[in-house]
Amino acid sequence: MSFGQRLKQLLREKRISQRQLARDLDMAPTTLSGYANDHREPNFFTLIQFADYFQVSVDYLLGCSDDPGRSHASRSRDGEACSGPAGILEGTHADNGASGKRNGG
Protein backbone atom coordinates (compact mmCIF):
# COMPACT_ATOMS: atom_id res chain seq x y z
CA MET A 1 0.00 0.00 0.00
CA SER A 2 1.40 3.40 -0.93
CA PHE A 3 1.67 6.33 1.45
CA GLY A 4 -1.13 8.14 -0.38
CA GLN A 5 -3.43 5.13 -0.17
CA ARG A 6 -2.71 4.75 3.54
CA LEU A 7 -3.34 8.47 4.10
CA LYS A 8 -6.70 8.29 2.31
CA GLN A 9 -7.61 5.18 4.33
CA LEU A 10 -6.87 6.98 7.61
CA LEU A 11 -8.87 10.01 6.51
CA ARG A 12 -11.86 7.78 5.74
CA GLU A 13 -11.55 5.83 9.00
CA LYS A 14 -11.30 9.00 11.10
CA ARG A 15 -13.94 10.81 9.00
CA ILE A 16 -11.64 13.75 8.41
CA SER A 17 -11.56 15.73 5.18
CA GLN A 18 -8.31 16.57 3.44
CA ARG A 19 -9.17 20.23 3.96
CA GLN A 20 -9.55 19.72 7.73
CA LEU A 21 -6.29 17.77 7.98
CA ALA A 22 -4.46 20.45 6.00
CA ARG A 23 -5.84 23.09 8.35
CA ASP A 24 -4.96 21.07 11.48
CA LEU A 25 -1.38 20.54 10.29
CA ASP A 26 -0.99 24.08 8.92
CA MET A 27 -0.34 22.69 5.45
CA ALA A 28 -1.48 23.92 2.05
CA PRO A 29 -4.44 21.82 0.82
CA THR A 30 -2.68 21.36 -2.52
CA THR A 31 0.36 19.92 -0.74
CA LEU A 32 -1.81 17.45 1.16
CA SER A 33 -3.60 16.51 -2.06
CA GLY A 34 -0.21 15.78 -3.63
CA TYR A 35 0.60 13.38 -0.79
CA ALA A 36 -2.82 11.70 -0.93
CA ASN A 37 -2.54 11.19 -4.69
CA ASP A 38 1.07 9.98 -4.55
CA HIS A 39 2.33 12.95 -6.57
CA ARG A 40 4.53 14.13 -3.68
CA GLU A 41 6.44 12.40 -0.89
CA PRO A 42 6.53 13.86 2.61
CA ASN A 43 9.84 14.61 4.31
CA PHE A 44 10.73 13.07 7.69
CA PHE A 45 9.26 15.92 9.71
CA THR A 46 5.96 15.71 7.83
CA LEU A 47 5.80 11.92 8.24
CA ILE A 48 6.19 12.37 11.97
CA GLN A 49 3.43 15.01 11.96
CA PHE A 50 1.07 12.56 10.23
CA ALA A 51 2.04 9.74 12.61
CA ASP A 52 1.42 11.94 15.65
CA TYR A 53 -1.86 13.26 14.27
CA PHE A 54 -3.29 9.81 13.52
CA GLN A 55 -1.52 8.11 16.46
CA VAL A 56 0.05 5.47 14.21
CA SER A 57 3.62 4.43 13.52
CA VAL A 58 5.64 5.81 10.64
CA ASP A 59 6.11 2.20 9.51
CA TYR A 60 2.34 1.91 9.15
CA LEU A 61 2.17 5.12 7.11
CA LEU A 62 4.92 3.90 4.80
CA GLY A 63 3.37 0.46 4.32
CA CYS A 64 6.16 -1.39 6.13
CA SER A 65 3.61 -2.67 8.65
CA ASP A 66 -0.08 -3.44 8.69
CA ASP A 67 -0.13 -2.81 12.44
CA PRO A 68 -0.96 0.86 13.12
CA GLY A 69 0.40 0.67 16.66
CA ARG A 70 3.62 2.38 17.56
CA SER A 71 6.55 0.15 18.39
CA HIS A 72 10.29 0.56 18.77
CA ALA A 73 11.12 -2.04 16.15
CA SER A 74 10.78 -1.49 12.43
CA ARG A 75 9.59 -4.79 11.04
CA SER A 76 7.82 -5.59 7.80
CA ARG A 77 4.86 -7.92 7.52
CA ASP A 78 7.17 -10.93 7.15
CA GLY A 79 9.25 -10.05 10.23
CA GLU A 80 12.27 -8.72 8.34
CA ALA A 81 13.64 -5.28 9.13
CA CYS A 82 11.98 -2.61 7.05
CA SER A 83 14.33 -1.33 4.38
CA GLY A 84 12.60 2.05 4.09
CA PRO A 85 13.37 5.25 5.97
CA ALA A 86 10.94 4.33 8.75
CA GLY A 87 13.65 2.64 10.79
CA ILE A 88 15.58 5.89 10.86
CA LEU A 89 12.49 7.80 11.94
CA GLU A 90 11.69 5.56 14.87
CA GLY A 91 14.83 6.84 16.60
CA THR A 92 14.35 10.48 15.62
CA HIS A 93 10.77 10.69 16.86
CA ALA A 94 11.81 10.52 20.50
CA ASP A 95 14.46 13.19 19.93
CA ASN A 96 11.81 15.64 18.62
CA GLY A 97 14.40 17.70 16.86
CA ALA A 98 16.71 15.29 15.16
CA SER A 99 18.27 16.59 12.00
CA GLY A 100 17.60 13.39 10.07
CA LYS A 101 21.34 12.92 9.44
CA ARG A 102 22.74 9.45 9.71
CA ASN A 103 25.57 8.69 12.09
CA GLY A 104 28.89 9.67 10.64
CA GLY A 105 27.25 11.86 8.01
PDB file of N, CA and C in Angstrom:
ATOM      1  N   MET A   1       0.851  -1.175   0.000  1.00  0.00           N
ATOM      2  CA  MET A   1       0.000   0.000   0.000  1.00  0.00           C
ATOM      3  C   MET A   1       0.896   1.237   0.000  1.00  0.00           C
ATOM      4  N   SER A   2       0.602   2.181  -0.854  1.00  0.00           N
ATOM      5  CA  SER A   2       1.403   3.399  -0.931  1.00  0.00           C
ATOM      6  C   SER A   2       1.067   4.346   0.217  1.00  0.00           C
ATOM      7  N   PHE A   3       1.919   5.337   0.409  1.00  0.00           N
ATOM      8  CA  PHE A   3       1.669   6.325   1.447  1.00  0.00           C
ATOM      9  C   PHE A   3       0.346   7.046   1.186  1.00  0.00           C
ATOM     10  N   GLY A   4       0.105   7.435  -0.047  1.00  0.00           N
ATOM     11  CA  GLY A   4      -1.134   8.135  -0.383  1.00  0.00           C
ATOM     12  C   GLY A   4      -2.370   7.297  -0.104  1.00  0.00           C
ATOM     13  N   GLN A   5      -2.306   6.020  -0.440  1.00  0.00           N
ATOM     14  CA  GLN A   5      -3.433   5.129  -0.166  1.00  0.00           C
ATOM     15  C   GLN A   5      -3.672   5.002   1.327  1.00  0.00           C
ATOM     16  N   ARG A   6      -2.580   4.875   2.083  1.00  0.00           N
ATOM     17  CA  ARG A   6      -2.707   4.754   3.540  1.00  0.00           C
ATOM     18  C   ARG A   6      -3.285   6.043   4.125  1.00  0.00           C
ATOM     19  N   LEU A   7      -2.839   7.187   3.627  1.00  0.00           N
ATOM     20  CA  LEU A   7      -3.343   8.467   4.101  1.00  0.00           C
ATOM     21  C   LEU A   7      -4.843   8.591   3.832  1.00  0.00           C
ATOM     22  N   LYS A   8      -5.267   8.238   2.641  1.00  0.00           N
ATOM     23  CA  LYS A   8      -6.698   8.286   2.308  1.00  0.00           C
ATOM     24  C   LYS A   8      -7.502   7.338   3.195  1.00  0.00           C
ATOM     25  N   GLN A   9      -6.935   6.155   3.471  1.00  0.00           N
ATOM     26  CA  GLN A   9      -7.607   5.183   4.335  1.00  0.00           C
ATOM     27  C   GLN A   9      -7.805   5.774   5.733  1.00  0.00           C
ATOM     28  N   LEU A  10      -6.770   6.384   6.275  1.00  0.00           N
ATOM     29  CA  LEU A  10      -6.871   6.983   7.606  1.00  0.00           C
ATOM     30  C   LEU A  10      -7.880   8.129   7.632  1.00  0.00           C
ATOM     31  N   LEU A  11      -7.898   8.923   6.585  1.00  0.00           N
ATOM     32  CA  LEU A  11      -8.871  10.012   6.510  1.00  0.00           C
ATOM     33  C   LEU A  11     -10.298   9.470   6.518  1.00  0.00           C
ATOM     34  N   ARG A  12     -10.522   8.402   5.759  1.00  0.00           N
ATOM     35  CA  ARG A  12     -11.863   7.782   5.741  1.00  0.00           C
ATOM     36  C   ARG A  12     -12.226   7.221   7.107  1.00  0.00           C
ATOM     37  N   GLU A  13     -11.288   6.468   7.703  1.00  0.00           N
ATOM     38  CA  GLU A  13     -11.553   5.833   9.002  1.00  0.00           C
ATOM     39  C   GLU A  13     -11.847   6.858  10.090  1.00  0.00           C
ATOM     40  N   LYS A  14     -11.133   7.970  10.065  1.00  0.00           N
ATOM     41  CA  LYS A  14     -11.298   9.002  11.096  1.00  0.00           C
ATOM     42  C   LYS A  14     -12.363  10.035  10.714  1.00  0.00           C
ATOM     43  N   ARG A  15     -12.908   9.888   9.506  1.00  0.00           N
ATOM     44  CA  ARG A  15     -13.937  10.812   9.003  1.00  0.00           C
ATOM     45  C   ARG A  15     -13.447  12.265   9.045  1.00  0.00           C
ATOM     46  N   ILE A  16     -12.266  12.441   8.488  1.00  0.00           N
ATOM     47  CA  ILE A  16     -11.643  13.752   8.412  1.00  0.00           C
ATOM     48  C   ILE A  16     -11.441  14.087   6.938  1.00  0.00           C
ATOM     49  N   SER A  17     -11.767  15.306   6.566  1.00  0.00           N
ATOM     50  CA  SER A  17     -11.563  15.728   5.184  1.00  0.00           C
ATOM     51  C   SER A  17     -10.106  16.142   4.985  1.00  0.00           C
ATOM     52  N   GLN A  18      -9.661  16.100   3.741  1.00  0.00           N
ATOM     53  CA  GLN A  18      -8.313  16.568   3.438  1.00  0.00           C
ATOM     54  C   GLN A  18      -8.176  18.035   3.838  1.00  0.00           C
ATOM     55  N   ARG A  19      -9.199  18.815   3.614  1.00  0.00           N
ATOM     56  CA  ARG A  19      -9.167  20.235   3.961  1.00  0.00           C
ATOM     57  C   ARG A  19      -8.965  20.419   5.471  1.00  0.00           C
ATOM     58  N   GLN A  20      -9.686  19.618   6.273  1.00  0.00           N
ATOM     59  CA  GLN A  20      -9.548  19.719   7.734  1.00  0.00           C
ATOM     60  C   GLN A  20      -8.152  19.312   8.181  1.00  0.00           C
ATOM     61  N   LEU A  21      -7.633  18.211   7.618  1.00  0.00           N
ATOM     62  CA  LEU A  21      -6.295  17.765   7.984  1.00  0.00           C
ATOM     63  C   LEU A  21      -5.262  18.827   7.620  1.00  0.00           C
ATOM     64  N   ALA A  22      -5.385  19.394   6.427  1.00  0.00           N
ATOM     65  CA  ALA A  22      -4.458  20.446   6.003  1.00  0.00           C
ATOM     66  C   ALA A  22      -4.505  21.623   6.976  1.00  0.00           C
ATOM     67  N   ARG A  23      -5.680  21.988   7.391  1.00  0.00           N
ATOM     68  CA  ARG A  23      -5.840  23.090   8.348  1.00  0.00           C
ATOM     69  C   ARG A  23      -5.204  22.720   9.694  1.00  0.00           C
ATOM     70  N   ASP A  24      -5.475  21.515  10.179  1.00  0.00           N
ATOM     71  CA  ASP A  24      -4.955  21.070  11.476  1.00  0.00           C
ATOM     72  C   ASP A  24      -3.424  21.013  11.493  1.00  0.00           C
ATOM     73  N   LEU A  25      -2.827  20.658  10.357  1.00  0.00           N
ATOM     74  CA  LEU A  25      -1.378  20.535  10.286  1.00  0.00           C
ATOM     75  C   LEU A  25      -0.715  21.780   9.700  1.00  0.00           C
ATOM     76  N   ASP A  26      -1.496  22.825   9.480  1.00  0.00           N
ATOM     77  CA  ASP A  26      -0.985  24.078   8.923  1.00  0.00           C
ATOM     78  C   ASP A  26      -0.229  23.811   7.623  1.00  0.00           C
ATOM     79  N   MET A  27      -0.918  23.128   6.713  1.00  0.00           N
ATOM     80  CA  MET A  27      -0.338  22.689   5.452  1.00  0.00           C
ATOM     81  C   MET A  27      -1.250  23.163   4.317  1.00  0.00           C
ATOM     82  N   ALA A  28      -0.675  23.516   3.203  1.00  0.00           N
ATOM     83  CA  ALA A  28      -1.484  23.917   2.049  1.00  0.00           C
ATOM     84  C   ALA A  28      -2.315  22.719   1.581  1.00  0.00           C
ATOM     85  N   PRO A  29      -3.608  22.927   1.306  1.00  0.00           N
ATOM     86  CA  PRO A  29      -4.444  21.818   0.817  1.00  0.00           C
ATOM     87  C   PRO A  29      -3.887  21.172  -0.445  1.00  0.00           C
ATOM     88  N   THR A  30      -3.245  21.946  -1.299  1.00  0.00           N
ATOM     89  CA  THR A  30      -2.680  21.363  -2.522  1.00  0.00           C
ATOM     90  C   THR A  30      -1.504  20.444  -2.207  1.00  0.00           C
ATOM     91  N   THR A  31      -0.749  20.778  -1.165  1.00  0.00           N
ATOM     92  CA  THR A  31       0.359  19.920  -0.736  1.00  0.00           C
ATOM     93  C   THR A  31      -0.187  18.591  -0.226  1.00  0.00           C
ATOM     94  N   LEU A  32      -1.200  18.667   0.621  1.00  0.00           N
ATOM     95  CA  LEU A  32      -1.808  17.445   1.159  1.00  0.00           C
ATOM     96  C   LEU A  32      -2.392  16.598   0.036  1.00  0.00           C
ATOM     97  N   SER A  33      -3.037  17.233  -0.920  1.00  0.00           N
ATOM     98  CA  SER A  33      -3.597  16.512  -2.057  1.00  0.00           C
ATOM     99  C   SER A  33      -2.494  15.784  -2.827  1.00  0.00           C
ATOM    100  N   GLY A  34      -1.341  16.426  -2.962  1.00  0.00           N
ATOM    101  CA  GLY A  34      -0.212  15.785  -3.631  1.00  0.00           C
ATOM    102  C   GLY A  34       0.238  14.532  -2.907  1.00  0.00           C
ATOM    103  N   TYR A  35       0.249  14.577  -1.568  1.00  0.00           N
ATOM    104  CA  TYR A  35       0.596  13.382  -0.790  1.00  0.00           C
ATOM    105  C   TYR A  35      -0.459  12.296  -0.974  1.00  0.00           C
ATOM    106  N   ALA A  36      -1.717  12.674  -0.861  1.00  0.00           N
ATOM    107  CA  ALA A  36      -2.816  11.701  -0.933  1.00  0.00           C
ATOM    108  C   ALA A  36      -2.903  11.036  -2.305  1.00  0.00           C
ATOM    109  N   ASN A  37      -2.475  11.742  -3.337  1.00  0.00           N
ATOM    110  CA  ASN A  37      -2.543  11.194  -4.690  1.00  0.00           C
ATOM    111  C   ASN A  37      -1.200  10.664  -5.177  1.00  0.00           C
ATOM    112  N   ASP A  38      -0.260  10.520  -4.254  1.00  0.00           N
ATOM    113  CA  ASP A  38       1.073   9.977  -4.551  1.00  0.00           C
ATOM    114  C   ASP A  38       1.820  10.774  -5.618  1.00  0.00           C
ATOM    115  N   HIS A  39       1.585  12.087  -5.665  1.00  0.00           N
ATOM    116  CA  HIS A  39       2.333  12.954  -6.566  1.00  0.00           C
ATOM    117  C   HIS A  39       3.513  13.596  -5.847  1.00  0.00           C
ATOM    118  N   ARG A  40       3.467  13.581  -4.521  1.00  0.00           N
ATOM    119  CA  ARG A  40       4.529  14.133  -3.681  1.00  0.00           C
ATOM    120  C   ARG A  40       4.844  13.134  -2.582  1.00  0.00           C
ATOM    121  N   GLU A  41       6.057  13.221  -2.039  1.00  0.00           N
ATOM    122  CA  GLU A  41       6.443  12.399  -0.892  1.00  0.00           C
ATOM    123  C   GLU A  41       6.775  13.312   0.282  1.00  0.00           C
ATOM    124  N   PRO A  42       6.251  13.009   1.456  1.00  0.00           N
ATOM    125  CA  PRO A  42       6.529  13.856   2.615  1.00  0.00           C
ATOM    126  C   PRO A  42       7.965  13.661   3.119  1.00  0.00           C
ATOM    127  N   ASN A  43       8.524  14.719   3.694  1.00  0.00           N
ATOM    128  CA  ASN A  43       9.837  14.606   4.306  1.00  0.00           C
ATOM    129  C   ASN A  43       9.678  13.964   5.691  1.00  0.00           C
ATOM    130  N   PHE A  44      10.785  13.744   6.384  1.00  0.00           N
ATOM    131  CA  PHE A  44      10.734  13.067   7.686  1.00  0.00           C
ATOM    132  C   PHE A  44       9.854  13.822   8.681  1.00  0.00           C
ATOM    133  N   PHE A  45      10.040  15.125   8.760  1.00  0.00           N
ATOM    134  CA  PHE A  45       9.265  15.920   9.710  1.00  0.00           C
ATOM    135  C   PHE A  45       7.769  15.775   9.444  1.00  0.00           C
ATOM    136  N   THR A  46       7.377  15.820   8.188  1.00  0.00           N
ATOM    137  CA  THR A  46       5.960  15.713   7.826  1.00  0.00           C
ATOM    138  C   THR A  46       5.421  14.321   8.127  1.00  0.00           C
ATOM    139  N   LEU A  47       6.219  13.286   7.883  1.00  0.00           N
ATOM    140  CA  LEU A  47       5.805  11.925   8.236  1.00  0.00           C
ATOM    141  C   LEU A  47       5.515  11.820   9.729  1.00  0.00           C
ATOM    142  N   ILE A  48       6.380  12.414  10.524  1.00  0.00           N
ATOM    143  CA  ILE A  48       6.187  12.373  11.970  1.00  0.00           C
ATOM    144  C   ILE A  48       4.938  13.139  12.367  1.00  0.00           C
ATOM    145  N   GLN A  49       4.668  14.260  11.697  1.00  0.00           N
ATOM    146  CA  GLN A  49       3.433  15.009  11.958  1.00  0.00           C
ATOM    147  C   GLN A  49       2.204  14.136  11.694  1.00  0.00           C
ATOM    148  N   PHE A  50       2.197  13.442  10.564  1.00  0.00           N
ATOM    149  CA  PHE A  50       1.072  12.560  10.231  1.00  0.00           C
ATOM    150  C   PHE A  50       0.944  11.440  11.266  1.00  0.00           C
ATOM    151  N   ALA A  51       2.067  10.835  11.629  1.00  0.00           N
ATOM    152  CA  ALA A  51       2.038   9.742  12.606  1.00  0.00           C
ATOM    153  C   ALA A  51       1.485  10.229  13.942  1.00  0.00           C
ATOM    154  N   ASP A  52       1.919  11.385  14.393  1.00  0.00           N
ATOM    155  CA  ASP A  52       1.419  11.943  15.649  1.00  0.00           C
ATOM    156  C   ASP A  52      -0.066  12.276  15.547  1.00  0.00           C
ATOM    157  N   TYR A  53      -0.467  12.857  14.444  1.00  0.00           N
ATOM    158  CA  TYR A  53      -1.862  13.263  14.265  1.00  0.00           C
ATOM    159  C   TYR A  53      -2.798  12.053  14.329  1.00  0.00           C
ATOM    160  N   PHE A  54      -2.425  10.997  13.586  1.00  0.00           N
ATOM    161  CA  PHE A  54      -3.285   9.814  13.516  1.00  0.00           C
ATOM    162  C   PHE A  54      -2.974   8.785  14.606  1.00  0.00           C
ATOM    163  N   GLN A  55      -1.940   9.034  15.408  1.00  0.00           N
ATOM    164  CA  GLN A  55      -1.519   8.115  16.464  1.00  0.00           C
ATOM    165  C   GLN A  55      -1.205   6.724  15.905  1.00  0.00           C
ATOM    166  N   VAL A  56      -0.408   6.714  14.840  1.00  0.00           N
ATOM    167  CA  VAL A  56       0.052   5.473  14.209  1.00  0.00           C
ATOM    168  C   VAL A  56       1.566   5.553  14.055  1.00  0.00           C
ATOM    169  N   SER A  57       2.169   4.447  13.726  1.00  0.00           N
ATOM    170  CA  SER A  57       3.619   4.434  13.516  1.00  0.00           C
ATOM    171  C   SER A  57       3.949   4.936  12.114  1.00  0.00           C
ATOM    172  N   VAL A  58       5.161   5.403  11.955  1.00  0.00           N
ATOM    173  CA  VAL A  58       5.641   5.806  10.638  1.00  0.00           C
ATOM    174  C   VAL A  58       5.711   4.583   9.728  1.00  0.00           C
ATOM    175  N   ASP A  59       6.090   3.440  10.293  1.00  0.00           N
ATOM    176  CA  ASP A  59       6.111   2.200   9.512  1.00  0.00           C
ATOM    177  C   ASP A  59       4.743   1.923   8.892  1.00  0.00           C
ATOM    178  N   TYR A  60       3.706   2.130   9.652  1.00  0.00           N
ATOM    179  CA  TYR A  60       2.344   1.910   9.155  1.00  0.00           C
ATOM    180  C   TYR A  60       2.045   2.881   8.007  1.00  0.00           C
ATOM    181  N   LEU A  61       2.401   4.135   8.167  1.00  0.00           N
ATOM    182  CA  LEU A  61       2.166   5.122   7.112  1.00  0.00           C
ATOM    183  C   LEU A  61       2.892   4.758   5.823  1.00  0.00           C
ATOM    184  N   LEU A  62       4.110   4.225   5.971  1.00  0.00           N
ATOM    185  CA  LEU A  62       4.922   3.903   4.802  1.00  0.00           C
ATOM    186  C   LEU A  62       4.602   2.542   4.201  1.00  0.00           C
ATOM    187  N   GLY A  63       3.722   1.775   4.840  1.00  0.00           N
ATOM    188  CA  GLY A  63       3.367   0.463   4.316  1.00  0.00           C
ATOM    189  C   GLY A  63       4.327  -0.635   4.713  1.00  0.00           C
ATOM    190  N   CYS A  64       5.234  -0.367   5.659  1.00  0.00           N
ATOM    191  CA  CYS A  64       6.160  -1.395   6.134  1.00  0.00           C
ATOM    192  C   CYS A  64       5.496  -2.305   7.154  1.00  0.00           C
ATOM    193  N   SER A  65       4.338  -1.899   7.650  1.00  0.00           N
ATOM    194  CA  SER A  65       3.612  -2.675   8.654  1.00  0.00           C
ATOM    195  C   SER A  65       2.119  -2.495   8.434  1.00  0.00           C
ATOM    196  N   ASP A  66       1.378  -3.542   8.721  1.00  0.00           N
ATOM    197  CA  ASP A  66      -0.079  -3.442   8.693  1.00  0.00           C
ATOM    198  C   ASP A  66      -0.627  -3.179  10.086  1.00  0.00           C
ATOM    199  N   ASP A  67       0.269  -3.090  11.072  1.00  0.00           N
ATOM    200  CA  ASP A  67      -0.125  -2.809  12.445  1.00  0.00           C
ATOM    201  C   ASP A  67       0.036  -1.314  12.695  1.00  0.00           C
ATOM    202  N   PRO A  68      -1.069  -0.595  12.935  1.00  0.00           N
ATOM    203  CA  PRO A  68      -0.957   0.855  13.120  1.00  0.00           C
ATOM    204  C   PRO A  68      -0.311   1.270  14.429  1.00  0.00           C
ATOM    205  N   GLY A  69      -0.166   0.341  15.364  1.00  0.00           N
ATOM    206  CA  GLY A  69       0.403   0.675  16.665  1.00  0.00           C
ATOM    207  C   GLY A  69       1.847   1.101  16.573  1.00  0.00           C
ATOM    208  N   ARG A  70       2.234   1.922  17.512  1.00  0.00           N
ATOM    209  CA  ARG A  70       3.617   2.380  17.559  1.00  0.00           C
ATOM    210  C   ARG A  70       4.460   1.352  18.288  1.00  0.00           C
ATOM    211  N   SER A  71       5.621   1.070  17.741  1.00  0.00           N
ATOM    212  CA  SER A  71       6.553   0.153  18.390  1.00  0.00           C
ATOM    213  C   SER A  71       7.950   0.688  18.185  1.00  0.00           C
ATOM    214  N   HIS A  72       8.915   0.105  18.890  1.00  0.00           N
ATOM    215  CA  HIS A  72      10.288   0.564  18.768  1.00  0.00           C
ATOM    216  C   HIS A  72      11.030  -0.186  17.681  1.00  0.00           C
ATOM    217  N   ALA A  73      10.450  -1.247  17.172  1.00  0.00           N
ATOM    218  CA  ALA A  73      11.119  -2.038  16.147  1.00  0.00           C
ATOM    219  C   ALA A  73      10.468  -1.790  14.799  1.00  0.00           C
ATOM    220  N   SER A  74      11.287  -1.645  13.785  1.00  0.00           N
ATOM    221  CA  SER A  74      10.778  -1.493  12.427  1.00  0.00           C
ATOM    222  C   SER A  74      10.807  -2.856  11.763  1.00  0.00           C
ATOM    223  N   ARG A  75       9.679  -3.457  11.640  1.00  0.00           N
ATOM    224  CA  ARG A  75       9.587  -4.785  11.037  1.00  0.00           C
ATOM    225  C   ARG A  75       8.526  -4.781   9.948  1.00  0.00           C
ATOM    226  N   SER A  76       8.797  -5.459   8.866  1.00  0.00           N
ATOM    227  CA  SER A  76       7.822  -5.585   7.800  1.00  0.00           C
ATOM    228  C   SER A  76       6.836  -6.688   8.157  1.00  0.00           C
ATOM    229  N   ARG A  77       5.884  -6.911   7.278  1.00  0.00           N
ATOM    230  CA  ARG A  77       4.858  -7.921   7.522  1.00  0.00           C
ATOM    231  C   ARG A  77       5.442  -9.311   7.707  1.00  0.00           C
ATOM    232  N   ASP A  78       6.593  -9.595   7.050  1.00  0.00           N
ATOM    233  CA  ASP A  78       7.172 -10.931   7.155  1.00  0.00           C
ATOM    234  C   ASP A  78       8.220 -11.033   8.268  1.00  0.00           C
ATOM    235  N   GLY A  79       8.349 -10.002   9.092  1.00  0.00           N
ATOM    236  CA  GLY A  79       9.251 -10.050  10.226  1.00  0.00           C
ATOM    237  C   GLY A  79      10.642  -9.535   9.943  1.00  0.00           C
ATOM    238  N   GLU A  80      10.955  -9.245   8.690  1.00  0.00           N
ATOM    239  CA  GLU A  80      12.270  -8.715   8.337  1.00  0.00           C
ATOM    240  C   GLU A  80      12.305  -7.225   8.636  1.00  0.00           C
ATOM    241  N   ALA A  81      13.497  -6.722   8.876  1.00  0.00           N
ATOM    242  CA  ALA A  81      13.642  -5.284   9.127  1.00  0.00           C
ATOM    243  C   ALA A  81      13.172  -4.513   7.900  1.00  0.00           C
ATOM    244  N   CYS A  82      12.474  -3.443   8.136  1.00  0.00           N
ATOM    245  CA  CYS A  82      11.976  -2.611   7.055  1.00  0.00           C
ATOM    246  C   CYS A  82      13.141  -1.894   6.400  1.00  0.00           C
ATOM    247  N   SER A  83      13.204  -1.935   5.084  1.00  0.00           N
ATOM    248  CA  SER A  83      14.329  -1.326   4.379  1.00  0.00           C
ATOM    249  C   SER A  83      14.096   0.143   4.080  1.00  0.00           C
ATOM    250  N   GLY A  84      12.906   0.651   4.356  1.00  0.00           N
ATOM    251  CA  GLY A  84      12.600   2.054   4.086  1.00  0.00           C
ATOM    252  C   GLY A  84      13.143   2.972   5.147  1.00  0.00           C
ATOM    253  N   PRO A  85      12.857   4.268   5.021  1.00  0.00           N
ATOM    254  CA  PRO A  85      13.371   5.252   5.967  1.00  0.00           C
ATOM    255  C   PRO A  85      12.698   5.190   7.332  1.00  0.00           C
ATOM    256  N   ALA A  86      11.681   4.371   7.490  1.00  0.00           N
ATOM    257  CA  ALA A  86      10.942   4.334   8.751  1.00  0.00           C
ATOM    258  C   ALA A  86      11.825   3.937   9.919  1.00  0.00           C
ATOM    259  N   GLY A  87      12.773   3.039   9.703  1.00  0.00           N
ATOM    260  CA  GLY A  87      13.654   2.636  10.789  1.00  0.00           C
ATOM    261  C   GLY A  87      14.462   3.806  11.324  1.00  0.00           C
ATOM    262  N   ILE A  88      14.854   4.691  10.454  1.00  0.00           N
ATOM    263  CA  ILE A  88      15.582   5.888  10.860  1.00  0.00           C
ATOM    264  C   ILE A  88      14.674   6.781  11.695  1.00  0.00           C
ATOM    265  N   LEU A  89      13.429   6.901  11.270  1.00  0.00           N
ATOM    266  CA  LEU A  89      12.494   7.799  11.938  1.00  0.00           C
ATOM    267  C   LEU A  89      12.123   7.337  13.328  1.00  0.00           C
ATOM    268  N   GLU A  90      12.068   6.047  13.552  1.00  0.00           N
ATOM    269  CA  GLU A  90      11.687   5.557  14.872  1.00  0.00           C
ATOM    270  C   GLU A  90      12.598   6.150  15.934  1.00  0.00           C
ATOM    271  N   GLY A  91      13.899   6.270  15.646  1.00  0.00           N
ATOM    272  CA  GLY A  91      14.826   6.839  16.602  1.00  0.00           C
ATOM    273  C   GLY A  91      14.729   8.347  16.694  1.00  0.00           C
ATOM    274  N   THR A  92      14.387   9.019  15.599  1.00  0.00           N
ATOM    275  CA  THR A  92      14.346  10.475  15.623  1.00  0.00           C
ATOM    276  C   THR A  92      13.094  11.000  16.284  1.00  0.00           C
ATOM    277  N   HIS A  93      12.038  10.216  16.301  1.00  0.00           N
ATOM    278  CA  HIS A  93      10.775  10.692  16.865  1.00  0.00           C
ATOM    279  C   HIS A  93      10.929  11.062  18.326  1.00  0.00           C
ATOM    280  N   ALA A  94      11.640  10.257  19.071  1.00  0.00           N
ATOM    281  CA  ALA A  94      11.813  10.518  20.499  1.00  0.00           C
ATOM    282  C   ALA A  94      12.685  11.748  20.733  1.00  0.00           C
ATOM    283  N   ASP A  95      13.587  12.049  19.775  1.00  0.00           N
ATOM    284  CA  ASP A  95      14.462  13.190  19.929  1.00  0.00           C
ATOM    285  C   ASP A  95      13.732  14.497  19.697  1.00  0.00           C
ATOM    286  N   ASN A  96      12.649  14.472  18.910  1.00  0.00           N
ATOM    287  CA  ASN A  96      11.810  15.638  18.616  1.00  0.00           C
ATOM    288  C   ASN A  96      12.613  16.837  18.126  1.00  0.00           C
ATOM    289  N   GLY A  97      13.629  16.613  17.383  1.00  0.00           N
ATOM    290  CA  GLY A  97      14.403  17.697  16.856  1.00  0.00           C
ATOM    291  C   GLY A  97      15.615  17.171  16.126  1.00  0.00           C
ATOM    292  N   ALA A  98      15.588  15.907  15.843  1.00  0.00           N
ATOM    293  CA  ALA A  98      16.712  15.294  15.160  1.00  0.00           C
ATOM    294  C   ALA A  98      16.831  15.866  13.762  1.00  0.00           C
ATOM    295  N   SER A  99      18.015  15.975  13.306  1.00  0.00           N
ATOM    296  CA  SER A  99      18.271  16.590  12.004  1.00  0.00           C
ATOM    297  C   SER A  99      17.987  15.637  10.856  1.00  0.00           C
ATOM    298  N   GLY A 100      17.839  14.353  11.133  1.00  0.00           N
ATOM    299  CA  GLY A 100      17.602  13.388  10.067  1.00  0.00           C
ATOM    300  C   GLY A 100      18.905  12.888   9.459  1.00  0.00           C
ATOM    301  N   LYS A 101      20.057  13.379   9.959  1.00  0.00           N
ATOM    302  CA  LYS A 101      21.336  12.917   9.439  1.00  0.00           C
ATOM    303  C   LYS A 101      21.658  11.562  10.031  1.00  0.00           C
ATOM    304  N   ARG A 102      22.297  10.755   9.224  1.00  0.00           N
ATOM    305  CA  ARG A 102      22.739   9.451   9.705  1.00  0.00           C
ATOM    306  C   ARG A 102      24.034   9.617  10.476  1.00  0.00           C
ATOM    307  N   ASN A 103      24.318   8.652  11.330  1.00  0.00           N
ATOM    308  CA  ASN A 103      25.570   8.689  12.091  1.00  0.00           C
ATOM    309  C   ASN A 103      26.754   8.727  11.138  1.00  0.00           C
ATOM    310  N   GLY A 104      27.697   9.558  11.463  1.00  0.00           N
ATOM    311  CA  GLY A 104      28.891   9.667  10.640  1.00  0.00           C
ATOM    312  C   GLY A 104      28.679  10.522   9.413  1.00  0.00           C
ATOM    313  N   GLY A 105      27.503  11.119   9.241  1.00  0.00           N
ATOM    314  CA  GLY A 105      27.249  11.859   8.008  1.00  0.00           C
ATOM    315  C   GLY A 105      26.939  13.204   8.252  1.00  0.00           C
TER     316      GLY A 105
END
